[in-house]
Amino acid sequence: MRIDKFLKVSRIIKRRTVASEACSGGRVMINERIAKPSSVIKAGDIISIRFGEHTGHYEVLLVQDTISKEMASSMYKVLDEDAFLATERNRT
C-alpha cells in the first residue's frame, strides 16, 4: 500500500492530500529513509512524521485498504509522539 493512502486509512493524517503533501515535503520517513507519496509500506515498517517542531514515530502492524474508524488505530503502534500530535491524531 502507498504511504499516503496508509496514513489516511489509519487516520494518522486525516486527509490523503495532506499526507501526500507531507511526503512530498520530505516530512515523512519510512525506516529512516525519506518517503515519496508512492512509497510502499508493509507490516513492520517504522514511520516517522515531522510537523514543525513535533515528531511522531509509528510502527506499522497491519496494512488494509479499508477499515472502520474504530479499528483504524489497530493498524499501527505509537512508538513515540508528543501531546500535540496525540491530540491532533485523536481529533474527529
PDB file of N, CA and C in Angstrom:
ATOM      1  N   MET A   1       0.840  -1.171   0.000  1.00  0.00           N
ATOM      2  CA  MET A   1       0.000   0.000   0.000  1.00  0.00           C
ATOM      3  C   MET A   1       0.887   1.236   0.000  1.00  0.00           C
ATOM      4  N   ARG A   2       0.452   2.256  -0.689  1.00  0.00           N
ATOM      5  CA  ARG A   2       1.178   3.527  -0.712  1.00  0.00           C
ATOM      6  C   ARG A   2       1.143   4.184   0.669  1.00  0.00           C
ATOM      7  N   ILE A   3       2.222   4.874   1.029  1.00  0.00           N
ATOM      8  CA  ILE A   3       2.305   5.516   2.339  1.00  0.00           C
ATOM      9  C   ILE A   3       1.230   6.591   2.508  1.00  0.00           C
ATOM     10  N   ASP A   4       0.949   7.383   1.455  1.00  0.00           N
ATOM     11  CA  ASP A   4      -0.061   8.431   1.602  1.00  0.00           C
ATOM     12  C   ASP A   4      -1.439   7.831   1.882  1.00  0.00           C
ATOM     13  N   LYS A   5      -1.758   6.719   1.248  1.00  0.00           N
ATOM     14  CA  LYS A   5      -3.042   6.062   1.496  1.00  0.00           C
ATOM     15  C   LYS A   5      -3.059   5.433   2.885  1.00  0.00           C
ATOM     16  N   PHE A   6      -1.960   4.818   3.301  1.00  0.00           N
ATOM     17  CA  PHE A   6      -1.893   4.220   4.635  1.00  0.00           C
ATOM     18  C   PHE A   6      -2.127   5.272   5.715  1.00  0.00           C
ATOM     19  N   LEU A   7      -1.483   6.428   5.591  1.00  0.00           N
ATOM     20  CA  LEU A   7      -1.639   7.481   6.596  1.00  0.00           C
ATOM     21  C   LEU A   7      -3.087   7.942   6.696  1.00  0.00           C
ATOM     22  N   LYS A   8      -3.796   7.972   5.566  1.00  0.00           N
ATOM     23  CA  LYS A   8      -5.198   8.371   5.554  1.00  0.00           C
ATOM     24  C   LYS A   8      -6.087   7.271   6.115  1.00  0.00           C
ATOM     25  N   VAL A   9      -5.919   6.030   5.651  1.00  0.00           N
ATOM     26  CA  VAL A   9      -6.765   4.918   6.099  1.00  0.00           C
ATOM     27  C   VAL A   9      -6.582   4.675   7.593  1.00  0.00           C
ATOM     28  N   SER A  10      -5.359   4.773   8.086  1.00  0.00           N
ATOM     29  CA  SER A  10      -5.085   4.554   9.512  1.00  0.00           C
ATOM     30  C   SER A  10      -5.475   5.758  10.358  1.00  0.00           C
ATOM     31  N   ARG A  11      -5.766   6.854   9.698  1.00  0.00           N
ATOM     32  CA  ARG A  11      -6.180   8.107  10.340  1.00  0.00           C
ATOM     33  C   ARG A  11      -5.072   8.750  11.182  1.00  0.00           C
ATOM     34  N   ILE A  12      -3.826   8.443  10.855  1.00  0.00           N
ATOM     35  CA  ILE A  12      -2.714   9.177  11.469  1.00  0.00           C
ATOM     36  C   ILE A  12      -2.756  10.603  10.929  1.00  0.00           C
ATOM     37  N   ILE A  13      -3.017  10.738   9.635  1.00  0.00           N
ATOM     38  CA  ILE A  13      -3.278  12.026   8.990  1.00  0.00           C
ATOM     39  C   ILE A  13      -4.668  11.911   8.380  1.00  0.00           C
ATOM     40  N   LYS A  14      -5.505  12.914   8.604  1.00  0.00           N
ATOM     41  CA  LYS A  14      -6.921  12.802   8.261  1.00  0.00           C
ATOM     42  C   LYS A  14      -7.234  12.860   6.765  1.00  0.00           C
ATOM     43  N   ARG A  15      -6.432  13.557   5.972  1.00  0.00           N
ATOM     44  CA  ARG A  15      -6.721  13.694   4.541  1.00  0.00           C
ATOM     45  C   ARG A  15      -5.548  13.199   3.712  1.00  0.00           C
ATOM     46  N   ARG A  16      -5.871  12.509   2.624  1.00  0.00           N
ATOM     47  CA  ARG A  16      -4.825  11.941   1.777  1.00  0.00           C
ATOM     48  C   ARG A  16      -3.994  13.035   1.114  1.00  0.00           C
ATOM     49  N   THR A  17      -4.612  14.153   0.736  1.00  0.00           N
ATOM     50  CA  THR A  17      -3.838  15.233   0.114  1.00  0.00           C
ATOM     51  C   THR A  17      -2.823  15.803   1.094  1.00  0.00           C
ATOM     52  N   VAL A  18      -3.201  15.910   2.362  1.00  0.00           N
ATOM     53  CA  VAL A  18      -2.266  16.401   3.385  1.00  0.00           C
ATOM     54  C   VAL A  18      -1.138  15.386   3.571  1.00  0.00           C
ATOM     55  N   ALA A  19      -1.478  14.101   3.573  1.00  0.00           N
ATOM     56  CA  ALA A  19      -0.457  13.049   3.697  1.00  0.00           C
ATOM     57  C   ALA A  19       0.494  13.089   2.508  1.00  0.00           C
ATOM     58  N   SER A  20      -0.053  13.273   1.313  1.00  0.00           N
ATOM     59  CA  SER A  20       0.771  13.345   0.103  1.00  0.00           C
ATOM     60  C   SER A  20       1.701  14.554   0.147  1.00  0.00           C
ATOM     61  N   GLU A  21       1.178  15.701   0.582  1.00  0.00           N
ATOM     62  CA  GLU A  21       1.999  16.914   0.691  1.00  0.00           C
ATOM     63  C   GLU A  21       3.104  16.740   1.727  1.00  0.00           C
ATOM     64  N   ALA A  22       2.795  16.071   2.842  1.00  0.00           N
ATOM     65  CA  ALA A  22       3.809  15.827   3.880  1.00  0.00           C
ATOM     66  C   ALA A  22       4.929  14.957   3.329  1.00  0.00           C
ATOM     67  N   CYS A  23       4.562  13.941   2.554  1.00  0.00           N
ATOM     68  CA  CYS A  23       5.574  13.066   1.941  1.00  0.00           C
ATOM     69  C   CYS A  23       6.402  13.835   0.921  1.00  0.00           C
ATOM     70  N   SER A  24       5.740  14.606   0.067  1.00  0.00           N
ATOM     71  CA  SER A  24       6.440  15.379  -0.968  1.00  0.00           C
ATOM     72  C   SER A  24       7.376  16.410  -0.355  1.00  0.00           C
ATOM     73  N   GLY A  25       7.016  16.911   0.823  1.00  0.00           N
ATOM     74  CA  GLY A  25       7.839  17.911   1.502  1.00  0.00           C
ATOM     75  C   GLY A  25       8.980  17.325   2.306  1.00  0.00           C
ATOM     76  N   GLY A  26       9.157  16.012   2.273  1.00  0.00           N
ATOM     77  CA  GLY A  26      10.264  15.385   2.990  1.00  0.00           C
ATOM     78  C   GLY A  26      10.037  15.259   4.477  1.00  0.00           C
ATOM     79  N   ARG A  27       8.783  15.331   4.928  1.00  0.00           N
ATOM     80  CA  ARG A  27       8.490  15.270   6.360  1.00  0.00           C
ATOM     81  C   ARG A  27       8.103  13.877   6.839  1.00  0.00           C
ATOM     82  N   VAL A  28       8.034  12.906   5.920  1.00  0.00           N
ATOM     83  CA  VAL A  28       7.685  11.534   6.286  1.00  0.00           C
ATOM     84  C   VAL A  28       8.847  10.618   5.921  1.00  0.00           C
ATOM     85  N   MET A  29       9.200   9.746   6.858  1.00  0.00           N
ATOM     86  CA  MET A  29      10.278   8.791   6.616  1.00  0.00           C
ATOM     87  C   MET A  29       9.780   7.383   6.921  1.00  0.00           C
ATOM     88  N   ILE A  30      10.243   6.425   6.120  1.00  0.00           N
ATOM     89  CA  ILE A  30       9.968   5.008   6.361  1.00  0.00           C
ATOM     90  C   ILE A  30      11.312   4.347   6.623  1.00  0.00           C
ATOM     91  N   ASN A  31      11.456   3.758   7.798  1.00  0.00           N
ATOM     92  CA  ASN A  31      12.712   3.104   8.182  1.00  0.00           C
ATOM     93  C   ASN A  31      13.911   4.027   7.956  1.00  0.00           C
ATOM     94  N   GLU A  32      13.786   5.266   8.392  1.00  0.00           N
ATOM     95  CA  GLU A  32      14.842   6.288   8.338  1.00  0.00           C
ATOM     96  C   GLU A  32      15.226   6.708   6.926  1.00  0.00           C
ATOM     97  N   ARG A  33      14.345   6.487   5.945  1.00  0.00           N
ATOM     98  CA  ARG A  33      14.571   6.953   4.573  1.00  0.00           C
ATOM     99  C   ARG A  33      13.403   7.841   4.184  1.00  0.00           C
ATOM    100  N   ILE A  34      13.693   8.965   3.550  1.00  0.00           N
ATOM    101  CA  ILE A  34      12.639   9.889   3.133  1.00  0.00           C
ATOM    102  C   ILE A  34      11.685   9.174   2.187  1.00  0.00           C
ATOM    103  N   ALA A  35      10.384   9.334   2.446  1.00  0.00           N
ATOM    104  CA  ALA A  35       9.359   8.639   1.669  1.00  0.00           C
ATOM    105  C   ALA A  35       8.690   9.576   0.679  1.00  0.00           C
ATOM    106  N   LYS A  36       8.461   9.079  -0.523  1.00  0.00           N
ATOM    107  CA  LYS A  36       7.637   9.771  -1.501  1.00  0.00           C
ATOM    108  C   LYS A  36       6.203   9.303  -1.274  1.00  0.00           C
ATOM    109  N   PRO A  37       5.205  10.042  -1.775  1.00  0.00           N
ATOM    110  CA  PRO A  37       3.811   9.616  -1.573  1.00  0.00           C
ATOM    111  C   PRO A  37       3.531   8.206  -2.090  1.00  0.00           C
ATOM    112  N   SER A  38       4.263   7.766  -3.106  1.00  0.00           N
ATOM    113  CA  SER A  38       4.018   6.445  -3.689  1.00  0.00           C
ATOM    114  C   SER A  38       4.853   5.333  -3.055  1.00  0.00           C
ATOM    115  N   SER A  39       5.654   5.659  -2.035  1.00  0.00           N
ATOM    116  CA  SER A  39       6.465   4.630  -1.371  1.00  0.00           C
ATOM    117  C   SER A  39       5.565   3.553  -0.781  1.00  0.00           C
ATOM    118  N   VAL A  40       6.001   2.303  -0.920  1.00  0.00           N
ATOM    119  CA  VAL A  40       5.200   1.167  -0.451  1.00  0.00           C
ATOM    120  C   VAL A  40       5.493   0.901   1.019  1.00  0.00           C
ATOM    121  N   ILE A  41       4.432   0.664   1.778  1.00  0.00           N
ATOM    122  CA  ILE A  41       4.541   0.385   3.208  1.00  0.00           C
ATOM    123  C   ILE A  41       4.124  -1.065   3.454  1.00  0.00           C
ATOM    124  N   LYS A  42       4.759  -1.699   4.447  1.00  0.00           N
ATOM    125  CA  LYS A  42       4.387  -3.065   4.806  1.00  0.00           C
ATOM    126  C   LYS A  42       4.471  -3.214   6.324  1.00  0.00           C
ATOM    127  N   ALA A  43       3.877  -4.272   6.837  1.00  0.00           N
ATOM    128  CA  ALA A  43       3.893  -4.520   8.280  1.00  0.00           C
ATOM    129  C   ALA A  43       5.339  -4.607   8.767  1.00  0.00           C
ATOM    130  N   GLY A  44       5.596  -3.990   9.908  1.00  0.00           N
ATOM    131  CA  GLY A  44       6.938  -3.986  10.486  1.00  0.00           C
ATOM    132  C   GLY A  44       7.718  -2.720  10.203  1.00  0.00           C
ATOM    133  N   ASP A  45       7.282  -1.917   9.212  1.00  0.00           N
ATOM    134  CA  ASP A  45       7.973  -0.666   8.902  1.00  0.00           C
ATOM    135  C   ASP A  45       7.770   0.352  10.024  1.00  0.00           C
ATOM    136  N   ILE A  46       8.751   1.224  10.200  1.00  0.00           N
ATOM    137  CA  ILE A  46       8.676   2.318  11.167  1.00  0.00           C
ATOM    138  C   ILE A  46       8.503   3.613  10.385  1.00  0.00           C
ATOM    139  N   ILE A  47       7.446   4.357  10.708  1.00  0.00           N
ATOM    140  CA  ILE A  47       7.147   5.626  10.047  1.00  0.00           C
ATOM    141  C   ILE A  47       7.472   6.761  11.009  1.00  0.00           C
ATOM    142  N   SER A  48       8.179   7.781  10.523  1.00  0.00           N
ATOM    143  CA  SER A  48       8.443   8.995  11.291  1.00  0.00           C
ATOM    144  C   SER A  48       7.809  10.154  10.546  1.00  0.00           C
ATOM    145  N   ILE A  49       7.040  10.979  11.268  1.00  0.00           N
ATOM    146  CA  ILE A  49       6.374  12.121  10.659  1.00  0.00           C
ATOM    147  C   ILE A  49       6.747  13.359  11.449  1.00  0.00           C
ATOM    148  N   ARG A  50       7.191  14.393  10.732  1.00  0.00           N
ATOM    149  CA  ARG A  50       7.603  15.641  11.365  1.00  0.00           C
ATOM    150  C   ARG A  50       6.629  16.748  10.974  1.00  0.00           C
ATOM    151  N   PHE A  51       6.024  17.382  11.972  1.00  0.00           N
ATOM    152  CA  PHE A  51       5.164  18.546  11.769  1.00  0.00           C
ATOM    153  C   PHE A  51       5.768  19.695  12.551  1.00  0.00           C
ATOM    154  N   GLY A  52       6.496  20.555  11.882  1.00  0.00           N
ATOM    155  CA  GLY A  52       7.166  21.662  12.567  1.00  0.00           C
ATOM    156  C   GLY A  52       8.163  21.116  13.567  1.00  0.00           C
ATOM    157  N   GLU A  53       7.983  21.476  14.839  1.00  0.00           N
ATOM    158  CA  GLU A  53       8.879  21.016  15.893  1.00  0.00           C
ATOM    159  C   GLU A  53       8.450  19.671  16.479  1.00  0.00           C
ATOM    160  N   HIS A  54       7.334  19.141  16.008  1.00  0.00           N
ATOM    161  CA  HIS A  54       6.767  17.913  16.560  1.00  0.00           C
ATOM    162  C   HIS A  54       7.080  16.725  15.657  1.00  0.00           C
ATOM    163  N   THR A  55       7.461  15.611  16.273  1.00  0.00           N
ATOM    164  CA  THR A  55       7.761  14.395  15.521  1.00  0.00           C
ATOM    165  C   THR A  55       7.069  13.207  16.175  1.00  0.00           C
ATOM    166  N   GLY A  56       6.498  12.343  15.328  1.00  0.00           N
ATOM    167  CA  GLY A  56       5.863  11.122  15.819  1.00  0.00           C
ATOM    168  C   GLY A  56       6.475   9.913  15.134  1.00  0.00           C
ATOM    169  N   HIS A  57       6.578   8.823  15.860  1.00  0.00           N
ATOM    170  CA  HIS A  57       7.130   7.577  15.326  1.00  0.00           C
ATOM    171  C   HIS A  57       6.091   6.474  15.533  1.00  0.00           C
ATOM    172  N   TYR A  58       5.818   5.722  14.466  1.00  0.00           N
ATOM    173  CA  TYR A  58       4.777   4.708  14.482  1.00  0.00           C
ATOM    174  C   TYR A  58       5.274   3.434  13.816  1.00  0.00           C
ATOM    175  N   GLU A  59       4.880   2.288  14.362  1.00  0.00           N
ATOM    176  CA  GLU A  59       5.205   1.006  13.748  1.00  0.00           C
ATOM    177  C   GLU A  59       3.961   0.479  13.045  1.00  0.00           C
ATOM    178  N   VAL A  60       4.116   0.065  11.799  1.00  0.00           N
ATOM    179  CA  VAL A  60       3.007  -0.475  11.024  1.00  0.00           C
ATOM    180  C   VAL A  60       2.747  -1.911  11.484  1.00  0.00           C
ATOM    181  N   LEU A  61       1.510  -2.193  11.912  1.00  0.00           N
ATOM    182  CA  LEU A  61       1.138  -3.529  12.357  1.00  0.00           C
ATOM    183  C   LEU A  61       0.296  -4.261  11.326  1.00  0.00           C
ATOM    184  N   LEU A  62      -0.536  -3.513  10.600  1.00  0.00           N
ATOM    185  CA  LEU A  62      -1.493  -4.106   9.685  1.00  0.00           C
ATOM    186  C   LEU A  62      -1.663  -3.190   8.485  1.00  0.00           C
ATOM    187  N   VAL A  63      -1.694  -3.757   7.299  1.00  0.00           N
ATOM    188  CA  VAL A  63      -1.919  -2.985   6.077  1.00  0.00           C
ATOM    189  C   VAL A  63      -3.218  -3.488   5.468  1.00  0.00           C
ATOM    190  N   GLN A  64      -4.214  -2.597   5.417  1.00  0.00           N
ATOM    191  CA  GLN A  64      -5.525  -2.941   4.901  1.00  0.00           C
ATOM    192  C   GLN A  64      -6.072  -1.763   4.110  1.00  0.00           C
ATOM    193  N   ASP A  65      -6.746  -2.034   2.975  1.00  0.00           N
ATOM    194  CA  ASP A  65      -7.266  -0.955   2.134  1.00  0.00           C
ATOM    195  C   ASP A  65      -8.397  -0.174   2.793  1.00  0.00           C
ATOM    196  N   THR A  66      -9.261  -0.857   3.501  1.00  0.00           N
ATOM    197  CA  THR A  66     -10.360  -0.187   4.195  1.00  0.00           C
ATOM    198  C   THR A  66     -10.483  -0.767   5.593  1.00  0.00           C
ATOM    199  N   ILE A  67     -10.904   0.078   6.520  1.00  0.00           N
ATOM    200  CA  ILE A  67     -11.074  -0.351   7.912  1.00  0.00           C
ATOM    201  C   ILE A  67     -11.988   0.655   8.588  1.00  0.00           C
ATOM    202  N   SER A  68     -12.753   0.211   9.565  1.00  0.00           N
ATOM    203  CA  SER A  68     -13.662   1.115  10.262  1.00  0.00           C
ATOM    204  C   SER A  68     -12.872   2.114  11.105  1.00  0.00           C
ATOM    205  N   LYS A  69     -13.512   3.215  11.381  1.00  0.00           N
ATOM    206  CA  LYS A  69     -12.877   4.278  12.163  1.00  0.00           C
ATOM    207  C   LYS A  69     -12.433   3.760  13.538  1.00  0.00           C
ATOM    208  N   GLU A  70     -13.246   2.918  14.131  1.00  0.00           N
ATOM    209  CA  GLU A  70     -12.947   2.381  15.461  1.00  0.00           C
ATOM    210  C   GLU A  70     -11.738   1.455  15.449  1.00  0.00           C
ATOM    211  N   MET A  71     -11.507   0.772  14.345  1.00  0.00           N
ATOM    212  CA  MET A  71     -10.415  -0.199  14.243  1.00  0.00           C
ATOM    213  C   MET A  71      -9.140   0.388  13.617  1.00  0.00           C
ATOM    214  N   ALA A  72      -9.193   1.631  13.154  1.00  0.00           N
ATOM    215  CA  ALA A  72      -8.047   2.230  12.454  1.00  0.00           C
ATOM    216  C   ALA A  72      -6.782   2.245  13.312  1.00  0.00           C
ATOM    217  N   SER A  73      -6.934   2.459  14.596  1.00  0.00           N
ATOM    218  CA  SER A  73      -5.745   2.521  15.457  1.00  0.00           C
ATOM    219  C   SER A  73      -5.064   1.166  15.609  1.00  0.00           C
ATOM    220  N   SER A  74      -5.718   0.086  15.192  1.00  0.00           N
ATOM    221  CA  SER A  74      -5.087  -1.233  15.272  1.00  0.00           C
ATOM    222  C   SER A  74      -4.101  -1.463  14.122  1.00  0.00           C
ATOM    223  N   MET A  75      -4.043  -0.522  13.183  1.00  0.00           N
ATOM    224  CA  MET A  75      -3.133  -0.642  12.049  1.00  0.00           C
ATOM    225  C   MET A  75      -1.707  -0.245  12.402  1.00  0.00           C
ATOM    226  N   TYR A  76      -1.528   0.445  13.523  1.00  0.00           N
ATOM    227  CA  TYR A  76      -0.198   0.934  13.895  1.00  0.00           C
ATOM    228  C   TYR A  76      -0.046   0.949  15.409  1.00  0.00           C
ATOM    229  N   LYS A  77       1.203   1.032  15.839  1.00  0.00           N
ATOM    230  CA  LYS A  77       1.527   1.176  17.257  1.00  0.00           C
ATOM    231  C   LYS A  77       2.315   2.467  17.412  1.00  0.00           C
ATOM    232  N   VAL A  78       1.899   3.302  18.347  1.00  0.00           N
ATOM    233  CA  VAL A  78       2.609   4.554  18.603  1.00  0.00           C
ATOM    234  C   VAL A  78       3.877   4.227  19.379  1.00  0.00           C
ATOM    235  N   LEU A  79       5.012   4.558  18.790  1.00  0.00           N
ATOM    236  CA  LEU A  79       6.294   4.345  19.466  1.00  0.00           C
ATOM    237  C   LEU A  79       6.683   5.568  20.272  1.00  0.00           C
ATOM    238  N   ASP A  80       6.414   6.746  19.694  1.00  0.00           N
ATOM    239  CA  ASP A  80       6.786   8.000  20.357  1.00  0.00           C
ATOM    240  C   ASP A  80       6.059   9.150  19.685  1.00  0.00           C
ATOM    241  N   GLU A  81       5.410   9.994  20.465  1.00  0.00           N
ATOM    242  CA  GLU A  81       4.832  11.227  19.945  1.00  0.00           C
ATOM    243  C   GLU A  81       4.574  12.155  21.120  1.00  0.00           C
ATOM    244  N   ASP A  82       4.557  13.448  20.850  1.00  0.00           N
ATOM    245  CA  ASP A  82       4.301  14.386  21.928  1.00  0.00           C
ATOM    246  C   ASP A  82       2.799  14.619  22.072  1.00  0.00           C
ATOM    247  N   ALA A  83       2.405  15.383  23.074  1.00  0.00           N
ATOM    248  CA  ALA A  83       0.988  15.607  23.367  1.00  0.00           C
ATOM    249  C   ALA A  83       0.271  16.299  22.220  1.00  0.00           C
ATOM    250  N   PHE A  84       0.950  17.212  21.522  1.00  0.00           N
ATOM    251  CA  PHE A  84       0.333  17.923  20.394  1.00  0.00           C
ATOM    252  C   PHE A  84      -0.088  16.948  19.305  1.00  0.00           C
ATOM    253  N   LEU A  85       0.801  16.047  18.902  1.00  0.00           N
ATOM    254  CA  LEU A  85       0.484  15.076  17.850  1.00  0.00           C
ATOM    255  C   LEU A  85      -0.588  14.092  18.299  1.00  0.00           C
ATOM    256  N   ALA A  86      -0.561  13.681  19.543  1.00  0.00           N
ATOM    257  CA  ALA A  86      -1.581  12.766  20.059  1.00  0.00           C
ATOM    258  C   ALA A  86      -2.955  13.426  19.991  1.00  0.00           C
ATOM    259  N   THR A  87      -3.024  14.685  20.353  1.00  0.00           N
ATOM    260  CA  THR A  87      -4.283  15.431  20.283  1.00  0.00           C
ATOM    261  C   THR A  87      -4.775  15.553  18.853  1.00  0.00           C
ATOM    262  N   GLU A  88      -3.894  15.902  17.940  1.00  0.00           N
ATOM    263  CA  GLU A  88      -4.272  16.037  16.529  1.00  0.00           C
ATOM    264  C   GLU A  88      -4.727  14.716  15.933  1.00  0.00           C
ATOM    265  N   ARG A  89      -4.056  13.643  16.264  1.00  0.00           N
ATOM    266  CA  ARG A  89      -4.394  12.333  15.717  1.00  0.00           C
ATOM    267  C   ARG A  89      -5.734  11.839  16.233  1.00  0.00           C
ATOM    268  N   ASN A  90      -6.094  12.200  17.462  1.00  0.00           N
ATOM    269  CA  ASN A  90      -7.330  11.720  18.076  1.00  0.00           C
ATOM    270  C   ASN A  90      -8.537  12.617  17.840  1.00  0.00           C
ATOM    271  N   ARG A  91      -8.336  13.735  17.169  1.00  0.00           N
ATOM    272  CA  ARG A  91      -9.472  14.611  16.853  1.00  0.00           C
ATOM    273  C   ARG A  91     -10.355  13.938  15.817  1.00  0.00           C
ATOM    274  N   THR A  92     -11.646  14.171  15.927  1.00  0.00           N
ATOM    275  CA  THR A  92     -12.578  13.568  14.959  1.00  0.00           C
ATOM    276  C   THR A  92     -12.913  14.505  13.852  1.00  0.00           C
TER     277      THR A  92
END
